[in-house]
């Protein structure tokens, strides 16, 4: 996983997760994540981070099949990184 101690690093890691989801056939989850990252205009980085913090577990729960452990671990690591980034902004 790429460094996630900045918003840019987080974007790169989330793009990597999107590719991993596509690899396992979770195209709808990947498209949702890609849309939130690149098509929605966020008013602040905090707004984006809070949305992603809610979105990642929701995507995992709504997946057609259970995510493989490595992908689930990647998503969990990203949630931790998001929490860390949010706490540093407050």
Protein backbone atom coordinates (compact mmCIF):
# COMPACT_ATOMS: atom_id res chain seq x y z
CA UNK A 1 0.00 0.00 0.00
CA UNK A 2 1.24 3.47 -0.84
CA UNK A 3 1.83 6.10 1.86
CA UNK A 4 -1.42 7.46 3.19
CA UNK A 5 -0.20 10.27 5.41
CA UNK A 6 -1.46 12.88 2.94
CA UNK A 7 -4.56 13.40 0.85
CA UNK A 8 -2.57 12.72 -2.32
CA UNK A 9 -1.17 9.48 -0.89
CA UNK A 10 -4.67 8.50 0.16
CA UNK A 11 -5.98 9.11 -3.37
CA UNK A 12 -3.24 6.85 -4.78
CA UNK A 13 -4.06 4.09 -2.31
CA UNK A 14 -7.77 4.39 -2.99
CA UNK A 15 -7.11 4.19 -6.73
CA UNK A 16 -5.08 1.05 -6.04
CA UNK A 17 -8.02 -0.39 -4.06
CA UNK A 18 -10.31 0.44 -6.97
CA UNK A 19 -8.10 -1.62 -9.28
CA UNK A 20 -8.06 -4.50 -6.79
CA UNK A 21 -11.86 -4.44 -6.63
CA UNK A 22 -12.09 -4.55 -10.42
CA UNK A 23 -9.72 -7.52 -10.45
CA UNK A 24 -12.12 -9.55 -8.30
CA UNK A 25 -15.18 -8.50 -10.30
CA UNK A 26 -16.48 -5.90 -7.85
CA UNK A 27 -16.97 -3.42 -10.68
CA UNK A 28 -19.93 -1.64 -9.08
CA UNK A 29 -18.00 -1.02 -5.86
CA UNK A 30 -14.98 0.14 -7.86
CA UNK A 31 -17.13 2.51 -9.94
CA UNK A 32 -18.75 3.97 -6.82
CA UNK A 33 -15.40 4.57 -5.18
CA UNK A 34 -13.90 6.06 -8.36
CA UNK A 35 -16.91 8.37 -8.78
CA UNK A 36 -16.64 9.66 -5.19
CA UNK A 37 -12.92 10.26 -5.62
CA UNK A 38 -12.83 11.86 -9.04
CA UNK A 39 -16.28 13.09 -10.05
CA UNK A 40 -17.77 14.64 -6.92
CA UNK A 41 -16.78 18.19 -6.04
CA UNK A 42 -16.00 18.25 -2.32
CA UNK A 43 -16.08 21.51 -0.40
CA UNK A 44 -13.29 20.38 1.92
CA UNK A 45 -10.91 17.51 2.41
CA UNK A 46 -12.65 16.76 5.71
CA UNK A 47 -15.94 16.29 3.87
CA UNK A 48 -14.28 13.84 1.47
CA UNK A 49 -12.57 11.94 4.29
CA UNK A 50 -15.79 11.61 6.28
CA UNK A 51 -17.61 10.35 3.18
CA UNK A 52 -14.87 7.79 2.48
CA UNK A 53 -14.89 6.64 6.09
CA UNK A 54 -18.60 5.80 5.73
CA UNK A 55 -18.30 4.48 2.17
CA UNK A 56 -15.57 1.85 2.56
CA UNK A 57 -17.39 -0.37 5.09
CA UNK A 58 -20.66 0.08 3.20
CA UNK A 59 -19.03 -1.13 -0.02
CA UNK A 60 -17.58 -4.15 1.75
CA UNK A 61 -20.92 -5.05 3.31
CA UNK A 62 -22.83 -4.69 0.04
CA UNK A 63 -20.30 -6.68 -2.00
CA UNK A 64 -21.63 -9.60 -4.03
CA UNK A 65 -19.03 -11.86 -2.42
CA UNK A 66 -16.75 -11.46 0.57
CA UNK A 67 -13.64 -9.50 -0.28
CA UNK A 68 -10.44 -11.55 -0.12
CA UNK A 69 -8.48 -10.98 3.10
CA UNK A 70 -5.79 -8.88 1.41
CA UNK A 71 -8.36 -6.49 -0.08
CA UNK A 72 -10.33 -6.28 3.16
CA UNK A 73 -7.08 -5.57 5.03
CA UNK A 74 -6.24 -2.83 2.48
CA UNK A 75 -9.68 -1.26 3.02
CA UNK A 76 -9.25 -1.49 6.81
CA UNK A 77 -5.81 0.11 6.59
CA UNK A 78 -7.30 2.92 4.50
CA UNK A 79 -10.02 3.51 7.09
CA UNK A 80 -7.34 3.80 9.77
CA UNK A 81 -5.36 6.24 7.59
CA UNK A 82 -8.51 8.31 7.00
CA UNK A 83 -9.20 8.50 10.75
CA UNK A 84 -5.60 9.62 11.29
CA UNK A 85 -5.86 12.30 8.60
CA UNK A 86 -9.17 13.52 10.02
CA UNK A 87 -7.77 13.77 13.53
CA UNK A 88 -4.80 15.80 12.25
CA UNK A 89 -7.16 18.29 10.61
CA UNK A 90 -9.06 19.08 13.79
